[in-house]
């Protein structure tokens, strides 16, 4: 059944069929721009881990943790596709990681963060 769905989506022009499930590879949450020393220190601590990034898009700040969704199978297909969350359902091109950088600024280390903040 899943293969039939996959073929049908490809014929319909669904670009997800040719993707390696990039959107299922990290968890992202919106944060506020850090203003206090405590907020800056907290984000610096997160950036000590190689699974963490900060990105800025359209003046909005995000904290991202790398990982893989537990419902993604070895063929990069969602095993709960019909029951997936609203957040997954709303993720669509052209805001997709596959087509272009999904950030204006990407910060991957404490040093980059300090340079960005000029501290």
C-alpha atoms as a PDB file:
ATOM      1  CA  UNK A   1       0.000   0.000   0.000  1.00  0.00           C
ATOM      2  CA  UNK A   2       2.745   2.443   0.856  1.00  0.00           C
ATOM      3  CA  UNK A   3       4.475   1.933  -2.505  1.00  0.00           C
ATOM      4  CA  UNK A   4       1.217   2.680  -4.303  1.00  0.00           C
ATOM      5  CA  UNK A   5       0.882   5.899  -2.295  1.00  0.00           C
ATOM      6  CA  UNK A   6       4.485   6.777  -3.077  1.00  0.00           C
ATOM      7  CA  UNK A   7       3.941   6.286  -6.832  1.00  0.00           C
ATOM      8  CA  UNK A   8       0.745   8.286  -6.772  1.00  0.00           C
ATOM      9  CA  UNK A   9       2.365  11.193  -4.956  1.00  0.00           C
ATOM     10  CA  UNK A  10       5.261  11.230  -7.384  1.00  0.00           C
ATOM     11  CA  UNK A  11       2.842  11.421 -10.335  1.00  0.00           C
ATOM     12  CA  UNK A  12       1.014  14.253  -8.599  1.00  0.00           C
ATOM     13  CA  UNK A  13       4.262  16.222  -8.388  1.00  0.00           C
ATOM     14  CA  UNK A  14       4.874  15.815  -4.667  1.00  0.00           C
ATOM     15  CA  UNK A  15       8.519  16.757  -4.211  1.00  0.00           C
ATOM     16  CA  UNK A  16       8.719  14.912  -0.902  1.00  0.00           C
ATOM     17  CA  UNK A  17       9.012  11.635  -2.772  1.00  0.00           C
ATOM     18  CA  UNK A  18      12.536  12.470  -3.957  1.00  0.00           C
ATOM     19  CA  UNK A  19      13.657  13.886  -0.609  1.00  0.00           C
ATOM     20  CA  UNK A  20      15.659  12.185   2.123  1.00  0.00           C
ATOM     21  CA  UNK A  21      13.202  13.439   4.757  1.00  0.00           C
ATOM     22  CA  UNK A  22      15.261  16.498   5.638  1.00  0.00           C
ATOM     23  CA  UNK A  23      12.416  17.970   7.673  1.00  0.00           C
ATOM     24  CA  UNK A  24      12.375  14.836   9.859  1.00  0.00           C
ATOM     25  CA  UNK A  25      16.000  15.252  10.891  1.00  0.00           C
ATOM     26  CA  UNK A  26      15.862  17.899  13.593  1.00  0.00           C
ATOM     27  CA  UNK A  27      13.655  19.537  16.202  1.00  0.00           C
ATOM     28  CA  UNK A  28      13.302  23.285  16.025  1.00  0.00           C
ATOM     29  CA  UNK A  29      11.677  25.699  18.415  1.00  0.00           C
ATOM     30  CA  UNK A  30      11.225  29.438  18.239  1.00  0.00           C
ATOM     31  CA  UNK A  31      13.084  31.437  20.882  1.00  0.00           C
ATOM     32  CA  UNK A  32      13.359  35.117  21.667  1.00  0.00           C
ATOM     33  CA  UNK A  33      16.480  37.039  20.784  1.00  0.00           C
ATOM     34  CA  UNK A  34      18.714  36.879  23.871  1.00  0.00           C
ATOM     35  CA  UNK A  35      18.890  40.197  25.699  1.00  0.00           C
ATOM     36  CA  UNK A  36      20.405  39.435  29.077  1.00  0.00           C
ATOM     37  CA  UNK A  37      23.720  37.903  30.051  1.00  0.00           C
ATOM     38  CA  UNK A  38      21.836  34.919  31.501  1.00  0.00           C
ATOM     39  CA  UNK A  39      19.983  34.322  28.215  1.00  0.00           C
ATOM     40  CA  UNK A  40      23.218  34.610  26.242  1.00  0.00           C
ATOM     41  CA  UNK A  41      25.024  32.222  28.601  1.00  0.00           C
ATOM     42  CA  UNK A  42      22.205  29.690  28.273  1.00  0.00           C
ATOM     43  CA  UNK A  43      22.440  29.706  24.466  1.00  0.00           C
ATOM     44  CA  UNK A  44      26.242  29.526  24.611  1.00  0.00           C
ATOM     45  CA  UNK A  45      25.872  26.410  26.766  1.00  0.00           C
ATOM     46  CA  UNK A  46      23.528  24.788  24.200  1.00  0.00           C
ATOM     47  CA  UNK A  47      26.029  25.528  21.432  1.00  0.00           C
ATOM     48  CA  UNK A  48      28.697  23.521  23.254  1.00  0.00           C
ATOM     49  CA  UNK A  49      26.897  20.429  21.929  1.00  0.00           C
ATOM     50  CA  UNK A  50      27.437  19.462  18.302  1.00  0.00           C
ATOM     51  CA  UNK A  51      23.733  18.632  17.913  1.00  0.00           C
ATOM     52  CA  UNK A  52      22.628  22.213  18.520  1.00  0.00           C
ATOM     53  CA  UNK A  53      22.308  25.192  16.194  1.00  0.00           C
ATOM     54  CA  UNK A  54      20.720  28.598  16.319  1.00  0.00           C
ATOM     55  CA  UNK A  55      19.279  30.060  13.186  1.00  0.00           C
ATOM     56  CA  UNK A  56      17.599  33.325  12.357  1.00  0.00           C
ATOM     57  CA  UNK A  57      14.988  33.636   9.630  1.00  0.00           C
ATOM     58  CA  UNK A  58      12.990  36.798   8.962  1.00  0.00           C
ATOM     59  CA  UNK A  59      14.272  38.302  12.235  1.00  0.00           C
ATOM     60  CA  UNK A  60      12.900  35.332  14.190  1.00  0.00           C
ATOM     61  CA  UNK A  61      15.244  33.235  16.295  1.00  0.00           C
ATOM     62  CA  UNK A  62      15.175  29.437  16.499  1.00  0.00           C
ATOM     63  CA  UNK A  63      17.001  26.775  18.477  1.00  0.00           C
ATOM     64  CA  UNK A  64      17.506  23.517  16.599  1.00  0.00           C
ATOM     65  CA  UNK A  65      18.556  20.082  17.836  1.00  0.00           C
ATOM     66  CA  UNK A  66      19.730  17.486  15.328  1.00  0.00           C
ATOM     67  CA  UNK A  67      18.141  14.086  15.424  1.00  0.00           C
ATOM     68  CA  UNK A  68      15.832  11.781  13.505  1.00  0.00           C
ATOM     69  CA  UNK A  69      12.124  11.329  14.053  1.00  0.00           C
ATOM     70  CA  UNK A  70      11.397   7.952  15.607  1.00  0.00           C
ATOM     71  CA  UNK A  71       8.660   7.348  13.016  1.00  0.00           C
ATOM     72  CA  UNK A  72      10.935   7.621   9.993  1.00  0.00           C
ATOM     73  CA  UNK A  73      11.725   4.246   8.460  1.00  0.00           C
ATOM     74  CA  UNK A  74      14.918   3.151   6.665  1.00  0.00           C
ATOM     75  CA  UNK A  75      13.395   4.263   3.328  1.00  0.00           C
ATOM     76  CA  UNK A  76      12.763   7.796   4.672  1.00  0.00           C
ATOM     77  CA  UNK A  77       9.023   7.230   4.819  1.00  0.00           C
ATOM     78  CA  UNK A  78       6.803   8.203   7.713  1.00  0.00           C
ATOM     79  CA  UNK A  79       5.346   5.156   9.437  1.00  0.00           C
ATOM     80  CA  UNK A  80       2.500   7.217  10.937  1.00  0.00           C
ATOM     81  CA  UNK A  81       1.810   9.360   7.868  1.00  0.00           C
ATOM     82  CA  UNK A  82      -2.001   9.297   8.232  1.00  0.00           C
ATOM     83  CA  UNK A  83      -1.705  10.179  11.945  1.00  0.00           C
ATOM     84  CA  UNK A  84       1.243  12.608  11.775  1.00  0.00           C
ATOM     85  CA  UNK A  85       1.094  15.817  13.778  1.00  0.00           C
ATOM     86  CA  UNK A  86      -0.308  19.095  12.563  1.00  0.00           C
ATOM     87  CA  UNK A  87       3.197  20.532  12.525  1.00  0.00           C
ATOM     88  CA  UNK A  88       4.336  17.821  10.103  1.00  0.00           C
ATOM     89  CA  UNK A  89       1.256  18.334   7.933  1.00  0.00           C
ATOM     90  CA  UNK A  90       1.896  22.061   7.650  1.00  0.00           C
ATOM     91  CA  UNK A  91       5.537  21.749   6.552  1.00  0.00           C
ATOM     92  CA  UNK A  92       5.515  22.266   2.794  1.00  0.00           C
ATOM     93  CA  UNK A  93       7.627  23.701   0.009  1.00  0.00           C
ATOM     94  CA  UNK A  94       8.783  26.372  -0.667  1.00  0.00           C
ATOM     95  CA  UNK A  95       9.760  26.696   3.018  1.00  0.00           C
ATOM     96  CA  UNK A  96      11.480  23.352   2.768  1.00  0.00           C
ATOM     97  CA  UNK A  97      15.115  22.617   3.537  1.00  0.00           C
ATOM     98  CA  UNK A  98      15.447  20.831   0.201  1.00  0.00           C
ATOM     99  CA  UNK A  99      15.100  23.903  -2.009  1.00  0.00           C
ATOM    100  CA  UNK A 100      17.145  26.669  -0.445  1.00  0.00           C
ATOM    101  CA  UNK A 101      18.737  27.792   2.780  1.00  0.00           C
ATOM    102  CA  UNK A 102      15.992  27.912   5.369  1.00  0.00           C
ATOM    103  CA  UNK A 103      17.765  30.560   7.406  1.00  0.00           C
ATOM    104  CA  UNK A 104      19.239  34.023   7.020  1.00  0.00           C
ATOM    105  CA  UNK A 105      21.908  33.355   9.652  1.00  0.00           C
ATOM    106  CA  UNK A 106      23.136  30.003  10.952  1.00  0.00           C
ATOM    107  CA  UNK A 107      25.146  29.769  14.175  1.00  0.00           C
ATOM    108  CA  UNK A 108      26.742  26.428  15.042  1.00  0.00           C
ATOM    109  CA  UNK A 109      29.291  27.217  17.749  1.00  0.00           C
ATOM    110  CA  UNK A 110      29.818  29.472  20.778  1.00  0.00           C
ATOM    111  CA  UNK A 111      32.506  31.344  18.805  1.00  0.00           C
ATOM    112  CA  UNK A 112      30.108  32.107  15.938  1.00  0.00           C
ATOM    113  CA  UNK A 113      27.483  33.226  18.453  1.00  0.00           C
ATOM    114  CA  UNK A 114      29.884  35.588  20.196  1.00  0.00           C
ATOM    115  CA  UNK A 115      30.983  37.000  16.830  1.00  0.00           C
ATOM    116  CA  UNK A 116      27.375  37.491  15.769  1.00  0.00           C
ATOM    117  CA  UNK A 117      26.566  39.336  19.001  1.00  0.00           C
ATOM    118  CA  UNK A 118      29.936  41.167  18.863  1.00  0.00           C
ATOM    119  CA  UNK A 119      30.811  40.217  22.439  1.00  0.00           C
END
